[in-house]
Structure formats: C-alpha cells, structure tokens
Amino acid sequence: MDAKHYCDSMQSELTSVRTRIDAMVSEIGQMPAAEQEARSAQVAEMKSMADDLTARIDRLKVECPADWSAEKAEIDTNRRKLQEKVDLWDAAHIAGGYVGG
C-alpha cells in the first residue's frame, strides 16, 4: 500500500473513531449529574484521546511522508489500543452502543 493511500485510509479511520468518542461524550453529557460525575474519569480520558486523534488527523491532512514506516507502526499500535478501549467502553456503557467492526 502506498503512503498516500495509507494516509487517506488512516485519516478516515481516525475520524470515525473520533466521531464515536464525541458521540459517547455527548451521551454522557445528557445523563443525570450523578452519573456524569461517576464517569468523569472516563470522559477526561476520552477527551484526551479525541485531542490526540484531532492532532493526528490534522497532520494527515497536510503531511504524508514518503517514508511512513516508523509513524505507521506507532499509529497502528495506538489505533488498535484506542479501538479496543472505545469498542469496549461504547458497548458496555452506552445504550445501543456500537458493538462490532
């Protein structure tokens, strides 16, 4: 897979995960105050992940290095970890949450 195709695909995937995080944070914001408070640590973590994703998405929009191997390995590893966390949290805590690939 060439670098440009990889960058476009990765940008799309990261944007999708970012959208899911935003939806979860929004849904938590609609919960009663006590539930919001109980989930405040998860919300903070999700917002941090969303900020990281935004930075990576913005970079992919303007920059796609010819030698992507080191960056690709780091993003793939982080994306897998993030995807597992989001899928698990989403399915377990949000009614009607996303439960599959």
PDB file of N, CA and C in Angstrom:
ATOM      1  N   MET A   1       0.851  -1.162   0.000  1.00  0.00           N
ATOM      2  CA  MET A   1       0.000   0.000   0.000  1.00  0.00           C
ATOM      3  C   MET A   1       0.908   1.240   0.000  1.00  0.00           C
ATOM      4  N   ASP A   2       0.651   2.175  -0.896  1.00  0.00           N
ATOM      5  CA  ASP A   2       1.487   3.365  -0.934  1.00  0.00           C
ATOM      6  C   ASP A   2       1.131   4.306   0.211  1.00  0.00           C
ATOM      7  N   ALA A   3       2.039   5.234   0.494  1.00  0.00           N
ATOM      8  CA  ALA A   3       1.882   6.115   1.652  1.00  0.00           C
ATOM      9  C   ALA A   3       0.622   6.974   1.545  1.00  0.00           C
ATOM     10  N   LYS A   4       0.327   7.525   0.372  1.00  0.00           N
ATOM     11  CA  LYS A   4      -0.840   8.399   0.214  1.00  0.00           C
ATOM     12  C   LYS A   4      -2.131   7.630   0.494  1.00  0.00           C
ATOM     13  N   HIS A   5      -2.242   6.424  -0.039  1.00  0.00           N
ATOM     14  CA  HIS A   5      -3.430   5.607   0.216  1.00  0.00           C
ATOM     15  C   HIS A   5      -3.542   5.288   1.700  1.00  0.00           C
ATOM     16  N   TYR A   6      -2.417   4.949   2.321  1.00  0.00           N
ATOM     17  CA  TYR A   6      -2.424   4.659   3.743  1.00  0.00           C
ATOM     18  C   TYR A   6      -2.877   5.884   4.532  1.00  0.00           C
ATOM     19  N   CYS A   7      -2.341   7.046   4.203  1.00  0.00           N
ATOM     20  CA  CYS A   7      -2.692   8.273   4.928  1.00  0.00           C
ATOM     21  C   CYS A   7      -4.183   8.575   4.792  1.00  0.00           C
ATOM     22  N   ASP A   8      -4.722   8.426   3.592  1.00  0.00           N
ATOM     23  CA  ASP A   8      -6.155   8.668   3.387  1.00  0.00           C
ATOM     24  C   ASP A   8      -7.000   7.686   4.192  1.00  0.00           C
ATOM     25  N   SER A   9      -6.614   6.423   4.164  1.00  0.00           N
ATOM     26  CA  SER A   9      -7.351   5.398   4.917  1.00  0.00           C
ATOM     27  C   SER A   9      -7.270   5.646   6.419  1.00  0.00           C
ATOM     28  N   MET A  10      -6.075   5.969   6.884  1.00  0.00           N
ATOM     29  CA  MET A  10      -5.884   6.214   8.316  1.00  0.00           C
ATOM     30  C   MET A  10      -6.665   7.442   8.751  1.00  0.00           C
ATOM     31  N   GLN A  11      -6.665   8.487   7.940  1.00  0.00           N
ATOM     32  CA  GLN A  11      -7.422   9.697   8.276  1.00  0.00           C
ATOM     33  C   GLN A  11      -8.904   9.358   8.414  1.00  0.00           C
ATOM     34  N   SER A  12      -9.413   8.551   7.523  1.00  0.00           N
ATOM     35  CA  SER A  12     -10.817   8.152   7.582  1.00  0.00           C
ATOM     36  C   SER A  12     -11.111   7.335   8.839  1.00  0.00           C
ATOM     37  N   GLU A  13     -10.265   6.377   9.151  1.00  0.00           N
ATOM     38  CA  GLU A  13     -10.468   5.550  10.341  1.00  0.00           C
ATOM     39  C   GLU A  13     -10.394   6.378  11.621  1.00  0.00           C
ATOM     40  N   LEU A  14      -9.401   7.247  11.712  1.00  0.00           N
ATOM     41  CA  LEU A  14      -9.245   8.062  12.911  1.00  0.00           C
ATOM     42  C   LEU A  14     -10.416   9.030  13.075  1.00  0.00           C
ATOM     43  N   THR A  15     -10.907   9.550  11.965  1.00  0.00           N
ATOM     44  CA  THR A  15     -12.071  10.437  12.016  1.00  0.00           C
ATOM     45  C   THR A  15     -13.293   9.685  12.517  1.00  0.00           C
ATOM     46  N   SER A  16     -13.454   8.445  12.090  1.00  0.00           N
ATOM     47  CA  SER A  16     -14.573   7.624  12.534  1.00  0.00           C
ATOM     48  C   SER A  16     -14.502   7.366  14.040  1.00  0.00           C
ATOM     49  N   VAL A  17     -13.335   7.035  14.536  1.00  0.00           N
ATOM     50  CA  VAL A  17     -13.174   6.790  15.965  1.00  0.00           C
ATOM     51  C   VAL A  17     -13.422   8.088  16.736  1.00  0.00           C
ATOM     52  N   ARG A  18     -12.911   9.197  16.214  1.00  0.00           N
ATOM     53  CA  ARG A  18     -13.115  10.499  16.865  1.00  0.00           C
ATOM     54  C   ARG A  18     -14.616  10.813  16.953  1.00  0.00           C
ATOM     55  N   THR A  19     -15.350  10.530  15.904  1.00  0.00           N
ATOM     56  CA  THR A  19     -16.796  10.767  15.890  1.00  0.00           C
ATOM     57  C   THR A  19     -17.490   9.935  16.957  1.00  0.00           C
ATOM     58  N   ARG A  20     -17.078   8.682  17.115  1.00  0.00           N
ATOM     59  CA  ARG A  20     -17.667   7.815  18.133  1.00  0.00           C
ATOM     60  C   ARG A  20     -17.364   8.333  19.531  1.00  0.00           C
ATOM     61  N   ILE A  21     -16.145   8.809  19.744  1.00  0.00           N
ATOM     62  CA  ILE A  21     -15.789   9.359  21.055  1.00  0.00           C
ATOM     63  C   ILE A  21     -16.665  10.578  21.349  1.00  0.00           C
ATOM     64  N   ASP A  22     -16.800  11.450  20.358  1.00  0.00           N
ATOM     65  CA  ASP A  22     -17.643  12.644  20.544  1.00  0.00           C
ATOM     66  C   ASP A  22     -19.077  12.254  20.878  1.00  0.00           C
ATOM     67  N   ALA A  23     -19.599  11.235  20.223  1.00  0.00           N
ATOM     68  CA  ALA A  23     -20.967  10.787  20.481  1.00  0.00           C
ATOM     69  C   ALA A  23     -21.100  10.248  21.904  1.00  0.00           C
ATOM     70  N   MET A  24     -20.104   9.502  22.361  1.00  0.00           N
ATOM     71  CA  MET A  24     -20.158   8.969  23.726  1.00  0.00           C
ATOM     72  C   MET A  24     -20.103  10.088  24.753  1.00  0.00           C
ATOM     73  N   VAL A  25     -19.212  11.051  24.548  1.00  0.00           N
ATOM     74  CA  VAL A  25     -19.103  12.177  25.477  1.00  0.00           C
ATOM     75  C   VAL A  25     -20.414  12.955  25.502  1.00  0.00           C
ATOM     76  N   SER A  26     -21.004  13.139  24.346  1.00  0.00           N
ATOM     77  CA  SER A  26     -22.281  13.846  24.261  1.00  0.00           C
ATOM     78  C   SER A  26     -23.381  13.089  25.002  1.00  0.00           C
ATOM     79  N   GLU A  27     -23.426  11.775  24.822  1.00  0.00           N
ATOM     80  CA  GLU A  27     -24.444  10.975  25.502  1.00  0.00           C
ATOM     81  C   GLU A  27     -24.258  11.033  27.009  1.00  0.00           C
ATOM     82  N   ILE A  28     -23.024  10.982  27.464  1.00  0.00           N
ATOM     83  CA  ILE A  28     -22.769  11.078  28.898  1.00  0.00           C
ATOM     84  C   ILE A  28     -23.221  12.447  29.410  1.00  0.00           C
ATOM     85  N   GLY A  29     -23.043  13.478  28.600  1.00  0.00           N
ATOM     86  CA  GLY A  29     -23.475  14.817  28.972  1.00  0.00           C
ATOM     87  C   GLY A  29     -24.979  14.944  29.147  1.00  0.00           C
ATOM     88  N   GLN A  30     -25.733  14.000  28.604  1.00  0.00           N
ATOM     89  CA  GLN A  30     -27.188  14.002  28.739  1.00  0.00           C
ATOM     90  C   GLN A  30     -27.653  13.209  29.970  1.00  0.00           C
ATOM     91  N   MET A  31     -26.737  12.519  30.625  1.00  0.00           N
ATOM     92  CA  MET A  31     -27.087  11.709  31.792  1.00  0.00           C
ATOM     93  C   MET A  31     -27.296  12.602  33.014  1.00  0.00           C
ATOM     94  N   PRO A  32     -27.971  12.071  34.042  1.00  0.00           N
ATOM     95  CA  PRO A  32     -28.120  12.823  35.294  1.00  0.00           C
ATOM     96  C   PRO A  32     -26.740  13.180  35.874  1.00  0.00           C
ATOM     97  N   ALA A  33     -26.691  14.251  36.627  1.00  0.00           N
ATOM     98  CA  ALA A  33     -25.423  14.775  37.155  1.00  0.00           C
ATOM     99  C   ALA A  33     -24.617  13.715  37.917  1.00  0.00           C
ATOM    100  N   ALA A  34     -25.286  12.879  38.701  1.00  0.00           N
ATOM    101  CA  ALA A  34     -24.569  11.858  39.481  1.00  0.00           C
ATOM    102  C   ALA A  34     -23.864  10.864  38.555  1.00  0.00           C
ATOM    103  N   GLU A  35     -24.518  10.473  37.472  1.00  0.00           N
ATOM    104  CA  GLU A  35     -23.899   9.547  36.523  1.00  0.00           C
ATOM    105  C   GLU A  35     -22.750  10.224  35.769  1.00  0.00           C
ATOM    106  N   GLN A  36     -22.949  11.501  35.440  1.00  0.00           N
ATOM    107  CA  GLN A  36     -21.865  12.235  34.776  1.00  0.00           C
ATOM    108  C   GLN A  36     -20.637  12.280  35.679  1.00  0.00           C
ATOM    109  N   GLU A  37     -20.863  12.552  36.948  1.00  0.00           N
ATOM    110  CA  GLU A  37     -19.763  12.614  37.913  1.00  0.00           C
ATOM    111  C   GLU A  37     -19.060  11.260  38.026  1.00  0.00           C
ATOM    112  N   ALA A  38     -19.831  10.188  38.063  1.00  0.00           N
ATOM    113  CA  ALA A  38     -19.257   8.850  38.177  1.00  0.00           C
ATOM    114  C   ALA A  38     -18.413   8.488  36.960  1.00  0.00           C
ATOM    115  N   ARG A  39     -18.707   9.095  35.833  1.00  0.00           N
ATOM    116  CA  ARG A  39     -17.985   8.794  34.593  1.00  0.00           C
ATOM    117  C   ARG A  39     -16.973   9.876  34.218  1.00  0.00           C
ATOM    118  N   SER A  40     -16.722  10.794  35.114  1.00  0.00           N
ATOM    119  CA  SER A  40     -15.852  11.929  34.792  1.00  0.00           C
ATOM    120  C   SER A  40     -14.439  11.497  34.394  1.00  0.00           C
ATOM    121  N   ALA A  41     -13.906  10.459  35.022  1.00  0.00           N
ATOM    122  CA  ALA A  41     -12.563   9.988  34.657  1.00  0.00           C
ATOM    123  C   ALA A  41     -12.552   9.437  33.236  1.00  0.00           C
ATOM    124  N   GLN A  42     -13.588   8.675  32.870  1.00  0.00           N
ATOM    125  CA  GLN A  42     -13.663   8.154  31.510  1.00  0.00           C
ATOM    126  C   GLN A  42     -13.838   9.274  30.498  1.00  0.00           C
ATOM    127  N   VAL A  43     -14.624  10.278  30.854  1.00  0.00           N
ATOM    128  CA  VAL A  43     -14.833  11.408  29.948  1.00  0.00           C
ATOM    129  C   VAL A  43     -13.514  12.146  29.734  1.00  0.00           C
ATOM    130  N   ALA A  44     -12.772  12.364  30.797  1.00  0.00           N
ATOM    131  CA  ALA A  44     -11.477  13.036  30.673  1.00  0.00           C
ATOM    132  C   ALA A  44     -10.534  12.240  29.774  1.00  0.00           C
ATOM    133  N   GLU A  45     -10.521  10.917  29.948  1.00  0.00           N
ATOM    134  CA  GLU A  45      -9.670  10.065  29.117  1.00  0.00           C
ATOM    135  C   GLU A  45     -10.117  10.119  27.656  1.00  0.00           C
ATOM    136  N   MET A  46     -11.429  10.075  27.431  1.00  0.00           N
ATOM    137  CA  MET A  46     -11.936  10.130  26.061  1.00  0.00           C
ATOM    138  C   MET A  46     -11.615  11.470  25.406  1.00  0.00           C
ATOM    139  N   LYS A  47     -11.726  12.555  26.172  1.00  0.00           N
ATOM    140  CA  LYS A  47     -11.393  13.868  25.611  1.00  0.00           C
ATOM    141  C   LYS A  47      -9.918  13.958  25.265  1.00  0.00           C
ATOM    142  N   SER A  48      -9.076  13.365  26.080  1.00  0.00           N
ATOM    143  CA  SER A  48      -7.642  13.333  25.790  1.00  0.00           C
ATOM    144  C   SER A  48      -7.366  12.530  24.514  1.00  0.00           C
ATOM    145  N   MET A  49      -8.028  11.384  24.391  1.00  0.00           N
ATOM    146  CA  MET A  49      -7.880  10.581  23.178  1.00  0.00           C
ATOM    147  C   MET A  49      -8.367  11.354  21.962  1.00  0.00           C
ATOM    148  N   ALA A  50      -9.476  12.060  22.111  1.00  0.00           N
ATOM    149  CA  ALA A  50     -10.022  12.838  20.999  1.00  0.00           C
ATOM    150  C   ALA A  50      -9.059  13.936  20.579  1.00  0.00           C
ATOM    151  N   ASP A  51      -8.428  14.590  21.538  1.00  0.00           N
ATOM    152  CA  ASP A  51      -7.446  15.634  21.216  1.00  0.00           C
ATOM    153  C   ASP A  51      -6.263  15.050  20.450  1.00  0.00           C
ATOM    154  N   ASP A  52      -5.788  13.886  20.898  1.00  0.00           N
ATOM    155  CA  ASP A  52      -4.687  13.221  20.196  1.00  0.00           C
ATOM    156  C   ASP A  52      -5.099  12.855  18.773  1.00  0.00           C
ATOM    157  N   LEU A  53      -6.304  12.332  18.631  1.00  0.00           N
ATOM    158  CA  LEU A  53      -6.797  11.980  17.298  1.00  0.00           C
ATOM    159  C   LEU A  53      -6.898  13.206  16.402  1.00  0.00           C
ATOM    160  N   THR A  54      -7.385  14.303  16.947  1.00  0.00           N
ATOM    161  CA  THR A  54      -7.504  15.527  16.164  1.00  0.00           C
ATOM    162  C   THR A  54      -6.143  15.975  15.646  1.00  0.00           C
ATOM    163  N   ALA A  55      -5.145  15.923  16.503  1.00  0.00           N
ATOM    164  CA  ALA A  55      -3.795  16.303  16.087  1.00  0.00           C
ATOM    165  C   ALA A  55      -3.283  15.396  14.964  1.00  0.00           C
ATOM    166  N   ARG A  56      -3.524  14.105  15.096  1.00  0.00           N
ATOM    167  CA  ARG A  56      -3.064  13.164  14.059  1.00  0.00           C
ATOM    168  C   ARG A  56      -3.842  13.360  12.756  1.00  0.00           C
ATOM    169  N   ILE A  57      -5.137  13.585  12.865  1.00  0.00           N
ATOM    170  CA  ILE A  57      -5.960  13.814  11.673  1.00  0.00           C
ATOM    171  C   ILE A  57      -5.496  15.078  10.961  1.00  0.00           C
ATOM    172  N   ASP A  58      -5.274  16.136  11.722  1.00  0.00           N
ATOM    173  CA  ASP A  58      -4.809  17.394  11.126  1.00  0.00           C
ATOM    174  C   ASP A  58      -3.471  17.206  10.423  1.00  0.00           C
ATOM    175  N   ARG A  59      -2.596  16.438  11.030  1.00  0.00           N
ATOM    176  CA  ARG A  59      -1.292  16.189  10.408  1.00  0.00           C
ATOM    177  C   ARG A  59      -1.457  15.407   9.102  1.00  0.00           C
ATOM    178  N   LEU A  60      -2.315  14.394   9.127  1.00  0.00           N
ATOM    179  CA  LEU A  60      -2.520  13.593   7.917  1.00  0.00           C
ATOM    180  C   LEU A  60      -3.136  14.416   6.782  1.00  0.00           C
ATOM    181  N   LYS A  61      -3.876  15.463   7.116  1.00  0.00           N
ATOM    182  CA  LYS A  61      -4.480  16.311   6.088  1.00  0.00           C
ATOM    183  C   LYS A  61      -3.436  17.088   5.292  1.00  0.00           C
ATOM    184  N   VAL A  62      -2.329  17.424   5.948  1.00  0.00           N
ATOM    185  CA  VAL A  62      -1.337  18.286   5.297  1.00  0.00           C
ATOM    186  C   VAL A  62       0.004  17.608   5.033  1.00  0.00           C
ATOM    187  N   GLU A  63       0.214  16.458   5.613  1.00  0.00           N
ATOM    188  CA  GLU A  63       1.528  15.841   5.525  1.00  0.00           C
ATOM    189  C   GLU A  63       1.387  14.326   5.399  1.00  0.00           C
ATOM    190  N   CYS A  64       2.032  13.789   4.403  1.00  0.00           N
ATOM    191  CA  CYS A  64       2.057  12.336   4.244  1.00  0.00           C
ATOM    192  C   CYS A  64       3.463  11.961   3.797  1.00  0.00           C
ATOM    193  N   PRO A  65       4.331  11.679   4.747  1.00  0.00           N
ATOM    194  CA  PRO A  65       5.733  11.416   4.404  1.00  0.00           C
ATOM    195  C   PRO A  65       5.892  10.205   3.493  1.00  0.00           C
ATOM    196  N   ALA A  66       6.907  10.282   2.638  1.00  0.00           N
ATOM    197  CA  ALA A  66       7.195   9.165   1.735  1.00  0.00           C
ATOM    198  C   ALA A  66       7.620   7.927   2.521  1.00  0.00           C
ATOM    199  N   ASP A  67       8.411   8.125   3.568  1.00  0.00           N
ATOM    200  CA  ASP A  67       8.801   7.007   4.422  1.00  0.00           C
ATOM    201  C   ASP A  67       7.937   7.050   5.670  1.00  0.00           C
ATOM    202  N   TRP A  68       6.947   6.227   5.694  1.00  0.00           N
ATOM    203  CA  TRP A  68       5.924   6.259   6.725  1.00  0.00           C
ATOM    204  C   TRP A  68       6.099   5.144   7.746  1.00  0.00           C
ATOM    205  N   SER A  69       7.103   4.294   7.579  1.00  0.00           N
ATOM    206  CA  SER A  69       7.198   3.056   8.357  1.00  0.00           C
ATOM    207  C   SER A  69       7.193   3.276   9.873  1.00  0.00           C
ATOM    208  N   ALA A  70       7.998   4.179  10.400  1.00  0.00           N
ATOM    209  CA  ALA A  70       8.039   4.386  11.853  1.00  0.00           C
ATOM    210  C   ALA A  70       6.717   4.973  12.350  1.00  0.00           C
ATOM    211  N   GLU A  71       6.223   5.978  11.650  1.00  0.00           N
ATOM    212  CA  GLU A  71       4.962   6.613  12.032  1.00  0.00           C
ATOM    213  C   GLU A  71       3.803   5.626  11.902  1.00  0.00           C
ATOM    214  N   LYS A  72       3.811   4.821  10.857  1.00  0.00           N
ATOM    215  CA  LYS A  72       2.755   3.830  10.620  1.00  0.00           C
ATOM    216  C   LYS A  72       2.691   2.841  11.778  1.00  0.00           C
ATOM    217  N   ALA A  73       3.835   2.352  12.206  1.00  0.00           N
ATOM    218  CA  ALA A  73       3.868   1.385  13.306  1.00  0.00           C
ATOM    219  C   ALA A  73       3.294   1.994  14.581  1.00  0.00           C
ATOM    220  N   GLU A  74       3.675   3.238  14.884  1.00  0.00           N
ATOM    221  CA  GLU A  74       3.171   3.899  16.085  1.00  0.00           C
ATOM    222  C   GLU A  74       1.665   4.130  15.994  1.00  0.00           C
ATOM    223  N   ILE A  75       1.194   4.628  14.876  1.00  0.00           N
ATOM    224  CA  ILE A  75      -0.236   4.901  14.722  1.00  0.00           C
ATOM    225  C   ILE A  75      -1.036   3.604  14.750  1.00  0.00           C
ATOM    226  N   ASP A  76      -0.556   2.567  14.077  1.00  0.00           N
ATOM    227  CA  ASP A  76      -1.269   1.289  14.079  1.00  0.00           C
ATOM    228  C   ASP A  76      -1.407   0.735  15.493  1.00  0.00           C
ATOM    229  N   THR A  77      -0.334   0.800  16.263  1.00  0.00           N
ATOM    230  CA  THR A  77      -0.369   0.309  17.637  1.00  0.00           C
ATOM    231  C   THR A  77      -1.340   1.129  18.482  1.00  0.00           C
ATOM    232  N   ASN A  78      -1.236   2.443  18.405  1.00  0.00           N
ATOM    233  CA  ASN A  78      -2.135   3.307  19.178  1.00  0.00           C
ATOM    234  C   ASN A  78      -3.578   3.164  18.722  1.00  0.00           C
ATOM    235  N   ARG A  79      -3.786   3.019  17.418  1.00  0.00           N
ATOM    236  CA  ARG A  79      -5.144   2.873  16.890  1.00  0.00           C
ATOM    237  C   ARG A  79      -5.789   1.596  17.406  1.00  0.00           C
ATOM    238  N   ARG A  80      -5.033   0.500  17.424  1.00  0.00           N
ATOM    239  CA  ARG A  80      -5.575  -0.767  17.938  1.00  0.00           C
ATOM    240  C   ARG A  80      -5.946  -0.643  19.407  1.00  0.00           C
ATOM    241  N   LYS A  81      -5.077  -0.063  20.205  1.00  0.00           N
ATOM    242  CA  LYS A  81      -5.360   0.118  21.631  1.00  0.00           C
ATOM    243  C   LYS A  81      -6.584   1.003  21.830  1.00  0.00           C
ATOM    244  N   LEU A  82      -6.636   2.103  21.109  1.00  0.00           N
ATOM    245  CA  LEU A  82      -7.751   3.023  21.223  1.00  0.00           C
ATOM    246  C   LEU A  82      -9.044   2.372  20.762  1.00  0.00           C
ATOM    247  N   GLN A  83      -8.998   1.653  19.658  1.00  0.00           N
ATOM    248  CA  GLN A  83     -10.192   0.997  19.125  1.00  0.00           C
ATOM    249  C   GLN A  83     -10.741  -0.003  20.134  1.00  0.00           C
ATOM    250  N   GLU A  84      -9.854  -0.782  20.757  1.00  0.00           N
ATOM    251  CA  GLU A  84     -10.296  -1.757  21.756  1.00  0.00           C
ATOM    252  C   GLU A  84     -10.966  -1.049  22.934  1.00  0.00           C
ATOM    253  N   LYS A  85     -10.359   0.042  23.417  1.00  0.00           N
ATOM    254  CA  LYS A  85     -10.929   0.786  24.534  1.00  0.00           C
ATOM    255  C   LYS A  85     -12.281   1.376  24.175  1.00  0.00           C
ATOM    256  N   VAL A  86     -12.352   2.003  23.018  1.00  0.00           N
ATOM    257  CA  VAL A  86     -13.603   2.648  22.605  1.00  0.00           C
ATOM    258  C   VAL A  86     -14.683   1.601  22.382  1.00  0.00           C
ATOM    259  N   ASP A  87     -14.371   0.508  21.698  1.00  0.00           N
ATOM    260  CA  ASP A  87     -15.362  -0.541  21.459  1.00  0.00           C
ATOM    261  C   ASP A  87     -15.870  -1.104  22.779  1.00  0.00           C
ATOM    262  N   LEU A  88     -14.966  -1.385  23.694  1.00  0.00           N
ATOM    263  CA  LEU A  88     -15.349  -1.958  24.976  1.00  0.00           C
ATOM    264  C   LEU A  88     -16.189  -0.965  25.772  1.00  0.00           C
ATOM    265  N   TRP A  89     -15.726   0.267  25.873  1.00  0.00           N
ATOM    266  CA  TRP A  89     -16.457   1.262  26.651  1.00  0.00           C
ATOM    267  C   TRP A  89     -17.799   1.560  26.016  1.00  0.00           C
ATOM    268  N   ASP A  90     -17.805   1.729  24.715  1.00  0.00           N
ATOM    269  CA  ASP A  90     -19.018   2.063  23.968  1.00  0.00           C
ATOM    270  C   ASP A  90     -20.075   0.980  24.167  1.00  0.00           C
ATOM    271  N   ALA A  91     -19.721  -0.263  23.951  1.00  0.00           N
ATOM    272  CA  ALA A  91     -20.667  -1.362  24.038  1.00  0.00           C
ATOM    273  C   ALA A  91     -21.165  -1.585  25.463  1.00  0.00           C
ATOM    274  N   ALA A  92     -20.296  -1.349  26.438  1.00  0.00           N
ATOM    275  CA  ALA A  92     -20.662  -1.631  27.819  1.00  0.00           C
ATOM    276  C   ALA A  92     -21.419  -0.503  28.495  1.00  0.00           C
ATOM    277  N   HIS A  93     -21.292   0.737  28.008  1.00  0.00           N
ATOM    278  CA  HIS A  93     -21.843   1.853  28.756  1.00  0.00           C
ATOM    279  C   HIS A  93     -22.847   2.723  28.018  1.00  0.00           C
ATOM    280  N   ILE A  94     -22.946   2.603  26.744  1.00  0.00           N
ATOM    281  CA  ILE A  94     -23.864   3.457  26.007  1.00  0.00           C
ATOM    282  C   ILE A  94     -24.984   2.608  25.433  1.00  0.00           C
ATOM    283  N   ALA A  95     -26.197   2.950  25.775  1.00  0.00           N
ATOM    284  CA  ALA A  95     -27.356   2.196  25.278  1.00  0.00           C
ATOM    285  C   ALA A  95     -27.351   2.233  23.758  1.00  0.00           C
ATOM    286  N   GLY A  96     -27.493   1.062  23.150  1.00  0.00           N
ATOM    287  CA  GLY A  96     -27.489   0.983  21.695  1.00  0.00           C
ATOM    288  C   GLY A  96     -26.114   1.237  21.110  1.00  0.00           C
ATOM    289  N   GLY A  97     -25.094   1.097  21.954  1.00  0.00           N
ATOM    290  CA  GLY A  97     -23.717   1.406  21.532  1.00  0.00           C
ATOM    291  C   GLY A  97     -23.217   0.487  20.436  1.00  0.00           C
ATOM    292  N   TYR A  98     -22.212   0.947  19.778  1.00  0.00           N
ATOM    293  CA  TYR A  98     -21.543   0.213  18.714  1.00  0.00           C
ATOM    294  C   TYR A  98     -20.934  -1.047  19.290  1.00  0.00           C
ATOM    295  N   VAL A  99     -21.145  -2.182  18.634  1.00  0.00           N
ATOM    296  CA  VAL A  99     -20.632  -3.440  19.191  1.00  0.00           C
ATOM    297  C   VAL A  99     -19.824  -4.256  18.199  1.00  0.00           C
ATOM    298  N   GLY A 100     -19.504  -3.727  17.066  1.00  0.00           N
ATOM    299  CA  GLY A 100     -18.714  -4.522  16.134  1.00  0.00           C
ATOM    300  C   GLY A 100     -17.932  -3.683  15.180  1.00  0.00           C
ATOM    301  N   GLY A 101     -17.106  -4.401  14.354  1.00  0.00           N
ATOM    302  CA  GLY A 101     -16.189  -3.771  13.404  1.00  0.00           C
ATOM    303  C   GLY A 101     -16.880  -3.071  12.351  1.00  0.00           C
TER     304      GLY A 101
END
